Amino acid sequence: MPAVFKILLAEDNPGDVRLFCEALESRALPFELTVATDGEKAIAIVDNAAPKQLDLIVLDVNLPKHKGDEVLRHVRAKPSLSRVPVIVLTSSVAPADQVAASWLGADLYIRKPSDLEELLEVAKVIEDMLRRNAAQ
């Protein structure tokens, strides 16, 4: 298991980035977070990622420049990232977004939490996913 989990978070809302960090910190999960504030930056980070350089990718659906589904398509087209789990974490309630995320290869589709309890549950789900994937 890695000493520090490397996570790419593609999110353009600074408040959501802060809440995401606080939720993971509540789990005492050792992590290094790279934030891409738009889809173009997320794709650039993915393109420059060496194998084993990313343990998890978390995408918002509604990103500037390239939408989350475009980033997800790009991630899943890279054989070196085929085993990296991708979580779509979004406020979108559109059924089409959930279907597209599943069809494109997202491991999970999670609505952004509306309260602290839900946020802490999302952090637990992320921790469990990271630990399971690291054990494989």
N, C-alpha and C. Protein backbone atom coordinates (compact mmCIF):
# COMPACT_ATOMS: atom_id res chain seq x y z
N MET A 1 0.85 -1.18 0.00
CA MET A 1 0.00 0.00 0.00
C MET A 1 0.90 1.24 0.00
N PRO A 2 0.53 2.25 -0.81
CA PRO A 2 1.36 3.46 -0.86
C PRO A 2 1.35 4.20 0.47
N ALA A 3 2.45 4.87 0.75
CA ALA A 3 2.54 5.68 1.97
C ALA A 3 1.59 6.88 1.89
N VAL A 4 1.42 7.39 0.67
CA VAL A 4 0.54 8.53 0.42
C VAL A 4 -0.26 8.22 -0.85
N PHE A 5 -1.57 8.37 -0.77
CA PHE A 5 -2.42 8.16 -1.93
C PHE A 5 -2.42 9.43 -2.78
N LYS A 6 -2.20 9.26 -4.08
CA LYS A 6 -2.16 10.40 -5.00
C LYS A 6 -3.50 10.51 -5.71
N ILE A 7 -4.15 11.65 -5.50
CA ILE A 7 -5.49 11.87 -6.00
C ILE A 7 -5.51 13.09 -6.91
N LEU A 8 -6.15 12.93 -8.07
CA LEU A 8 -6.44 14.06 -8.95
C LEU A 8 -7.90 14.43 -8.74
N LEU A 9 -8.16 15.67 -8.37
CA LEU A 9 -9.51 16.18 -8.21
C LEU A 9 -9.73 17.24 -9.28
N ALA A 10 -10.66 16.97 -10.20
CA ALA A 10 -11.03 17.95 -11.23
C ALA A 10 -12.30 18.65 -10.74
N GLU A 11 -12.12 19.84 -10.21
CA GLU A 11 -13.21 20.58 -9.58
C GLU A 11 -12.92 22.07 -9.70
N ASP A 12 -13.90 22.84 -10.17
CA ASP A 12 -13.69 24.28 -10.35
C ASP A 12 -14.21 25.13 -9.21
N ASN A 13 -14.86 24.53 -8.22
CA ASN A 13 -15.39 25.28 -7.10
C ASN A 13 -14.43 25.18 -5.91
N PRO A 14 -13.77 26.28 -5.52
CA PRO A 14 -12.81 26.22 -4.41
C PRO A 14 -13.43 25.74 -3.09
N GLY A 15 -14.68 26.07 -2.85
CA GLY A 15 -15.35 25.60 -1.63
C GLY A 15 -15.49 24.09 -1.62
N ASP A 16 -15.82 23.51 -2.76
CA ASP A 16 -15.93 22.05 -2.85
C ASP A 16 -14.57 21.39 -2.70
N VAL A 17 -13.53 22.01 -3.21
CA VAL A 17 -12.17 21.47 -3.04
C VAL A 17 -11.82 21.44 -1.56
N ARG A 18 -12.11 22.53 -0.86
CA ARG A 18 -11.81 22.62 0.57
C ARG A 18 -12.58 21.54 1.35
N LEU A 19 -13.86 21.39 1.06
CA LEU A 19 -14.67 20.38 1.74
C LEU A 19 -14.17 18.97 1.45
N PHE A 20 -13.77 18.72 0.22
CA PHE A 20 -13.22 17.41 -0.15
C PHE A 20 -11.98 17.11 0.68
N CYS A 21 -11.09 18.08 0.78
CA CYS A 21 -9.86 17.90 1.58
C CYS A 21 -10.20 17.64 3.05
N GLU A 22 -11.10 18.44 3.60
CA GLU A 22 -11.47 18.27 5.00
C GLU A 22 -12.08 16.90 5.25
N ALA A 23 -12.88 16.42 4.32
CA ALA A 23 -13.50 15.10 4.48
C ALA A 23 -12.44 14.01 4.49
N LEU A 24 -11.48 14.08 3.58
CA LEU A 24 -10.42 13.07 3.56
C LEU A 24 -9.54 13.17 4.79
N GLU A 25 -9.26 14.38 5.24
CA GLU A 25 -8.46 14.56 6.45
C GLU A 25 -9.16 13.97 7.66
N SER A 26 -10.48 13.99 7.68
CA SER A 26 -11.24 13.41 8.80
C SER A 26 -11.04 11.90 8.89
N ARG A 27 -10.64 11.27 7.81
CA ARG A 27 -10.39 9.83 7.78
C ARG A 27 -8.95 9.52 8.14
N ALA A 28 -8.14 10.54 8.39
CA ALA A 28 -6.71 10.36 8.66
C ALA A 28 -6.06 9.58 7.52
N LEU A 29 -6.49 9.90 6.31
CA LEU A 29 -5.99 9.24 5.11
C LEU A 29 -4.81 10.03 4.57
N PRO A 30 -3.64 9.40 4.44
CA PRO A 30 -2.50 10.13 3.88
C PRO A 30 -2.71 10.33 2.38
N PHE A 31 -2.82 11.57 1.96
CA PHE A 31 -3.06 11.81 0.54
C PHE A 31 -2.32 13.05 0.06
N GLU A 32 -2.07 13.04 -1.23
CA GLU A 32 -1.49 14.19 -1.93
C GLU A 32 -2.50 14.54 -3.02
N LEU A 33 -3.01 15.74 -2.97
CA LEU A 33 -4.07 16.16 -3.88
C LEU A 33 -3.53 17.09 -4.95
N THR A 34 -3.85 16.76 -6.19
CA THR A 34 -3.60 17.66 -7.31
C THR A 34 -4.97 18.12 -7.78
N VAL A 35 -5.15 19.42 -7.90
CA VAL A 35 -6.44 19.98 -8.30
C VAL A 35 -6.32 20.55 -9.71
N ALA A 36 -7.26 20.14 -10.55
CA ALA A 36 -7.40 20.72 -11.89
C ALA A 36 -8.70 21.51 -11.88
N THR A 37 -8.62 22.80 -12.16
CA THR A 37 -9.80 23.65 -12.07
C THR A 37 -10.62 23.67 -13.35
N ASP A 38 -10.17 22.94 -14.37
CA ASP A 38 -10.97 22.79 -15.58
C ASP A 38 -10.57 21.49 -16.28
N GLY A 39 -11.37 21.10 -17.25
CA GLY A 39 -11.13 19.84 -17.94
C GLY A 39 -9.84 19.82 -18.75
N GLU A 40 -9.48 20.96 -19.29
CA GLU A 40 -8.23 21.04 -20.06
C GLU A 40 -7.02 20.73 -19.17
N LYS A 41 -7.01 21.30 -17.97
CA LYS A 41 -5.91 21.03 -17.03
C LYS A 41 -5.93 19.58 -16.57
N ALA A 42 -7.11 19.02 -16.36
CA ALA A 42 -7.21 17.62 -15.95
C ALA A 42 -6.63 16.70 -17.02
N ILE A 43 -6.97 16.97 -18.28
CA ILE A 43 -6.44 16.15 -19.38
C ILE A 43 -4.92 16.29 -19.46
N ALA A 44 -4.39 17.48 -19.27
CA ALA A 44 -2.94 17.68 -19.30
C ALA A 44 -2.27 16.88 -18.18
N ILE A 45 -2.85 16.87 -17.00
CA ILE A 45 -2.29 16.12 -15.88
C ILE A 45 -2.32 14.63 -16.19
N VAL A 46 -3.45 14.16 -16.71
CA VAL A 46 -3.59 12.75 -17.07
C VAL A 46 -2.56 12.37 -18.14
N ASP A 47 -2.39 13.24 -19.13
CA ASP A 47 -1.43 12.95 -20.21
C ASP A 47 0.01 12.85 -19.71
N ASN A 48 0.33 13.57 -18.65
CA ASN A 48 1.69 13.56 -18.11
C ASN A 48 1.89 12.59 -16.96
N ALA A 49 0.83 11.88 -16.58
CA ALA A 49 0.92 10.95 -15.45
C ALA A 49 1.65 9.68 -15.85
N ALA A 50 2.64 9.34 -15.07
CA ALA A 50 3.34 8.08 -15.26
C ALA A 50 2.53 6.96 -14.62
N PRO A 51 2.73 5.72 -15.05
CA PRO A 51 2.04 4.62 -14.38
C PRO A 51 2.30 4.66 -12.88
N LYS A 52 1.29 4.37 -12.10
CA LYS A 52 1.34 4.34 -10.62
C LYS A 52 1.45 5.74 -10.02
N GLN A 53 1.34 6.79 -10.84
CA GLN A 53 1.44 8.15 -10.31
C GLN A 53 0.11 8.65 -9.76
N LEU A 54 -0.99 8.00 -10.16
CA LEU A 54 -2.31 8.38 -9.66
C LEU A 54 -2.99 7.16 -9.05
N ASP A 55 -3.56 7.35 -7.86
CA ASP A 55 -4.29 6.27 -7.20
C ASP A 55 -5.80 6.44 -7.36
N LEU A 56 -6.25 7.66 -7.66
CA LEU A 56 -7.67 7.93 -7.79
C LEU A 56 -7.87 9.22 -8.57
N ILE A 57 -8.91 9.22 -9.40
CA ILE A 57 -9.31 10.43 -10.12
C ILE A 57 -10.75 10.72 -9.73
N VAL A 58 -11.01 11.95 -9.30
CA VAL A 58 -12.36 12.39 -8.93
C VAL A 58 -12.72 13.54 -9.85
N LEU A 59 -13.85 13.39 -10.56
CA LEU A 59 -14.24 14.36 -11.57
C LEU A 59 -15.60 14.97 -11.27
N ASP A 60 -15.71 16.26 -11.48
CA ASP A 60 -17.02 16.90 -11.53
C ASP A 60 -17.50 16.78 -12.98
N VAL A 61 -18.80 16.72 -13.19
CA VAL A 61 -19.34 16.64 -14.55
C VAL A 61 -19.23 17.98 -15.26
N ASN A 62 -19.55 19.05 -14.55
CA ASN A 62 -19.63 20.37 -15.17
C ASN A 62 -18.36 21.17 -14.95
N LEU A 63 -17.37 20.86 -15.76
CA LEU A 63 -16.09 21.58 -15.70
C LEU A 63 -15.99 22.55 -16.87
N PRO A 64 -15.30 23.67 -16.68
CA PRO A 64 -15.03 24.56 -17.81
C PRO A 64 -14.05 23.90 -18.79
N LYS A 65 -14.10 24.35 -20.02
CA LYS A 65 -13.20 23.96 -21.12
C LYS A 65 -13.46 22.55 -21.65
N HIS A 66 -13.38 21.52 -20.83
CA HIS A 66 -13.76 20.17 -21.22
C HIS A 66 -14.62 19.60 -20.10
N LYS A 67 -15.77 19.10 -20.42
CA LYS A 67 -16.68 18.53 -19.42
C LYS A 67 -16.07 17.26 -18.83
N GLY A 68 -16.60 16.86 -17.69
CA GLY A 68 -16.11 15.67 -17.00
C GLY A 68 -16.17 14.41 -17.84
N ASP A 69 -17.21 14.28 -18.68
CA ASP A 69 -17.30 13.08 -19.51
C ASP A 69 -16.18 13.04 -20.55
N GLU A 70 -15.74 14.18 -21.03
CA GLU A 70 -14.62 14.22 -21.97
C GLU A 70 -13.32 13.80 -21.26
N VAL A 71 -13.15 14.26 -20.04
CA VAL A 71 -11.97 13.88 -19.26
C VAL A 71 -12.01 12.38 -18.99
N LEU A 72 -13.16 11.87 -18.60
CA LEU A 72 -13.30 10.45 -18.32
C LEU A 72 -13.00 9.62 -19.56
N ARG A 73 -13.51 10.02 -20.70
CA ARG A 73 -13.23 9.32 -21.96
C ARG A 73 -11.72 9.30 -22.21
N HIS A 74 -11.08 10.40 -21.96
CA HIS A 74 -9.63 10.51 -22.18
C HIS A 74 -8.87 9.59 -21.22
N VAL A 75 -9.28 9.57 -19.97
CA VAL A 75 -8.64 8.69 -18.97
C VAL A 75 -8.76 7.24 -19.39
N ARG A 76 -9.96 6.83 -19.76
CA ARG A 76 -10.20 5.41 -20.07
C ARG A 76 -9.55 5.00 -21.40
N ALA A 77 -9.13 5.96 -22.20
CA ALA A 77 -8.43 5.64 -23.45
C ALA A 77 -6.94 5.39 -23.22
N LYS A 78 -6.46 5.66 -22.02
CA LYS A 78 -5.03 5.50 -21.71
C LYS A 78 -4.82 4.15 -21.00
N PRO A 79 -4.19 3.19 -21.66
CA PRO A 79 -3.96 1.88 -21.03
C PRO A 79 -3.21 1.97 -19.70
N SER A 80 -2.32 2.94 -19.55
CA SER A 80 -1.55 3.06 -18.31
C SER A 80 -2.42 3.45 -17.12
N LEU A 81 -3.62 3.95 -17.38
CA LEU A 81 -4.52 4.37 -16.30
C LEU A 81 -5.73 3.46 -16.16
N SER A 82 -5.71 2.33 -16.83
CA SER A 82 -6.89 1.45 -16.85
C SER A 82 -7.29 0.95 -15.47
N ARG A 83 -6.35 0.84 -14.55
CA ARG A 83 -6.67 0.33 -13.22
C ARG A 83 -6.90 1.44 -12.19
N VAL A 84 -6.78 2.68 -12.62
CA VAL A 84 -7.01 3.80 -11.70
C VAL A 84 -8.52 4.02 -11.57
N PRO A 85 -9.06 3.93 -10.36
CA PRO A 85 -10.49 4.17 -10.20
C PRO A 85 -10.85 5.62 -10.47
N VAL A 86 -12.04 5.81 -11.04
CA VAL A 86 -12.55 7.15 -11.32
C VAL A 86 -13.91 7.28 -10.64
N ILE A 87 -14.04 8.34 -9.85
CA ILE A 87 -15.31 8.66 -9.21
C ILE A 87 -15.81 9.96 -9.82
N VAL A 88 -17.05 9.95 -10.26
CA VAL A 88 -17.70 11.18 -10.68
C VAL A 88 -18.44 11.70 -9.45
N LEU A 89 -18.02 12.86 -8.98
CA LEU A 89 -18.60 13.50 -7.79
C LEU A 89 -19.18 14.83 -8.25
N THR A 90 -20.50 14.90 -8.33
CA THR A 90 -21.12 16.04 -8.99
C THR A 90 -22.44 16.44 -8.36
N SER A 91 -22.86 17.65 -8.64
CA SER A 91 -24.17 18.12 -8.20
C SER A 91 -25.23 17.82 -9.26
N SER A 92 -24.82 17.31 -10.39
CA SER A 92 -25.76 17.02 -11.47
C SER A 92 -26.74 15.92 -11.08
N VAL A 93 -28.01 16.18 -11.32
CA VAL A 93 -29.04 15.17 -11.08
C VAL A 93 -29.56 14.60 -12.41
N ALA A 94 -28.95 15.00 -13.50
CA ALA A 94 -29.41 14.55 -14.82
C ALA A 94 -29.14 13.05 -14.99
N PRO A 95 -30.18 12.26 -15.22
CA PRO A 95 -29.96 10.83 -15.44
C PRO A 95 -28.99 10.55 -16.59
N ALA A 96 -29.00 11.40 -17.60
CA ALA A 96 -28.09 11.21 -18.74
C ALA A 96 -26.63 11.29 -18.30
N ASP A 97 -26.33 12.16 -17.32
CA ASP A 97 -24.95 12.26 -16.83
C ASP A 97 -24.52 10.98 -16.13
N GLN A 98 -25.42 10.40 -15.35
CA GLN A 98 -25.11 9.16 -14.64
C GLN A 98 -24.93 8.00 -15.63
N VAL A 99 -25.78 7.92 -16.62
CA VAL A 99 -25.67 6.86 -17.64
C VAL A 99 -24.36 7.03 -18.41
N ALA A 100 -24.05 8.25 -18.80
CA ALA A 100 -22.82 8.50 -19.55
C ALA A 100 -21.60 8.14 -18.72
N ALA A 101 -21.60 8.50 -17.45
CA ALA A 101 -20.45 8.19 -16.59
C ALA A 101 -20.26 6.68 -16.49
N SER A 102 -21.32 5.96 -16.31
CA SER A 102 -21.24 4.50 -16.23
C SER A 102 -20.75 3.91 -17.55
N TRP A 103 -21.33 4.36 -18.63
CA TRP A 103 -20.97 3.86 -19.96
C TRP A 103 -19.51 4.15 -20.29
N LEU A 104 -19.00 5.29 -19.85
CA LEU A 104 -17.62 5.68 -20.13
C LEU A 104 -16.61 5.03 -19.19
N GLY A 105 -17.08 4.35 -18.16
CA GLY A 105 -16.15 3.60 -17.30
C GLY A 105 -15.90 4.16 -15.92
N ALA A 106 -16.77 5.05 -15.44
CA ALA A 106 -16.61 5.53 -14.07
C ALA A 106 -16.88 4.37 -13.10
N ASP A 107 -16.10 4.31 -12.04
CA ASP A 107 -16.30 3.28 -11.04
C ASP A 107 -17.46 3.61 -10.12
N LEU A 108 -17.65 4.89 -9.84
CA LEU A 108 -18.75 5.34 -8.99
C LEU A 108 -19.26 6.68 -9.48
N TYR A 109 -20.54 6.91 -9.25
CA TYR A 109 -21.16 8.20 -9.52
C TYR A 109 -21.81 8.62 -8.21
N ILE A 110 -21.34 9.70 -7.64
CA ILE A 110 -21.81 10.13 -6.33
C ILE A 110 -22.27 11.58 -6.44
N ARG A 111 -23.48 11.83 -5.93
CA ARG A 111 -23.96 13.22 -5.84
C ARG A 111 -23.19 13.93 -4.74
N LYS A 112 -22.84 15.17 -4.98
CA LYS A 112 -22.14 15.94 -3.96
C LYS A 112 -23.00 16.00 -2.70
N PRO A 113 -22.39 15.77 -1.58
CA PRO A 113 -23.14 15.75 -0.32
C PRO A 113 -23.76 17.11 0.00
N SER A 114 -24.91 17.05 0.66
CA SER A 114 -25.59 18.28 1.04
C SER A 114 -25.41 18.59 2.53
N ASP A 115 -24.84 17.64 3.29
CA ASP A 115 -24.60 17.90 4.71
C ASP A 115 -23.34 17.17 5.17
N LEU A 116 -22.94 17.46 6.38
CA LEU A 116 -21.69 16.92 6.92
C LEU A 116 -21.71 15.39 6.99
N GLU A 117 -22.81 14.83 7.42
CA GLU A 117 -22.89 13.37 7.54
C GLU A 117 -22.67 12.69 6.19
N GLU A 118 -23.30 13.21 5.15
CA GLU A 118 -23.12 12.65 3.81
C GLU A 118 -21.68 12.83 3.34
N LEU A 119 -21.10 13.97 3.63
CA LEU A 119 -19.72 14.25 3.25
C LEU A 119 -18.76 13.25 3.89
N LEU A 120 -18.97 12.95 5.14
CA LEU A 120 -18.11 11.99 5.84
C LEU A 120 -18.31 10.58 5.28
N GLU A 121 -19.51 10.25 4.86
CA GLU A 121 -19.76 8.95 4.24
C GLU A 121 -19.04 8.84 2.89
N VAL A 122 -19.04 9.93 2.12
CA VAL A 122 -18.30 9.94 0.85
C VAL A 122 -16.81 9.72 1.11
N ALA A 123 -16.28 10.36 2.13
CA ALA A 123 -14.87 10.18 2.48
C ALA A 123 -14.57 8.72 2.83
N LYS A 124 -15.48 8.08 3.53
CA LYS A 124 -15.30 6.66 3.87
C LYS A 124 -15.31 5.79 2.62
N VAL A 125 -16.23 6.06 1.70
CA VAL A 125 -16.30 5.31 0.44
C VAL A 125 -14.99 5.47 -0.34
N ILE A 126 -14.47 6.69 -0.38
CA ILE A 126 -13.22 6.94 -1.09
C ILE A 126 -12.07 6.20 -0.42
N GLU A 127 -12.00 6.27 0.89
CA GLU A 127 -10.93 5.56 1.61
C GLU A 127 -11.01 4.06 1.34
N ASP A 128 -12.20 3.49 1.44
CA ASP A 128 -12.36 2.04 1.18
C ASP A 128 -11.92 1.68 -0.23
N MET A 129 -12.30 2.50 -1.20
CA MET A 129 -11.92 2.23 -2.59
C MET A 129 -10.40 2.28 -2.76
N LEU A 130 -9.77 3.30 -2.18
CA LEU A 130 -8.31 3.42 -2.29
C LEU A 130 -7.60 2.23 -1.65
N ARG A 131 -8.04 1.83 -0.49
CA ARG A 131 -7.39 0.73 0.21
C ARG A 131 -7.61 -0.61 -0.51
N ARG A 132 -8.81 -0.84 -1.03
CA ARG A 132 -9.06 -2.06 -1.80
C ARG A 132 -8.20 -2.11 -3.05
N ASN A 133 -8.16 -0.99 -3.76
CA ASN A 133 -7.38 -0.94 -5.00
C ASN A 133 -5.90 -1.13 -4.73
N ALA A 134 -5.40 -0.57 -3.63
CA ALA A 134 -3.98 -0.70 -3.28
C ALA A 134 -3.63 -2.13 -2.89
N ALA A 135 -4.58 -2.86 -2.35
CA ALA A 135 -4.34 -4.24 -1.91
C ALA A 135 -4.30 -5.22 -3.08
N GLN A 136 -4.80 -4.80 -4.24
CA GLN A 136 -4.83 -5.69 -5.41
C GLN A 136 -3.50 -5.75 -6.11
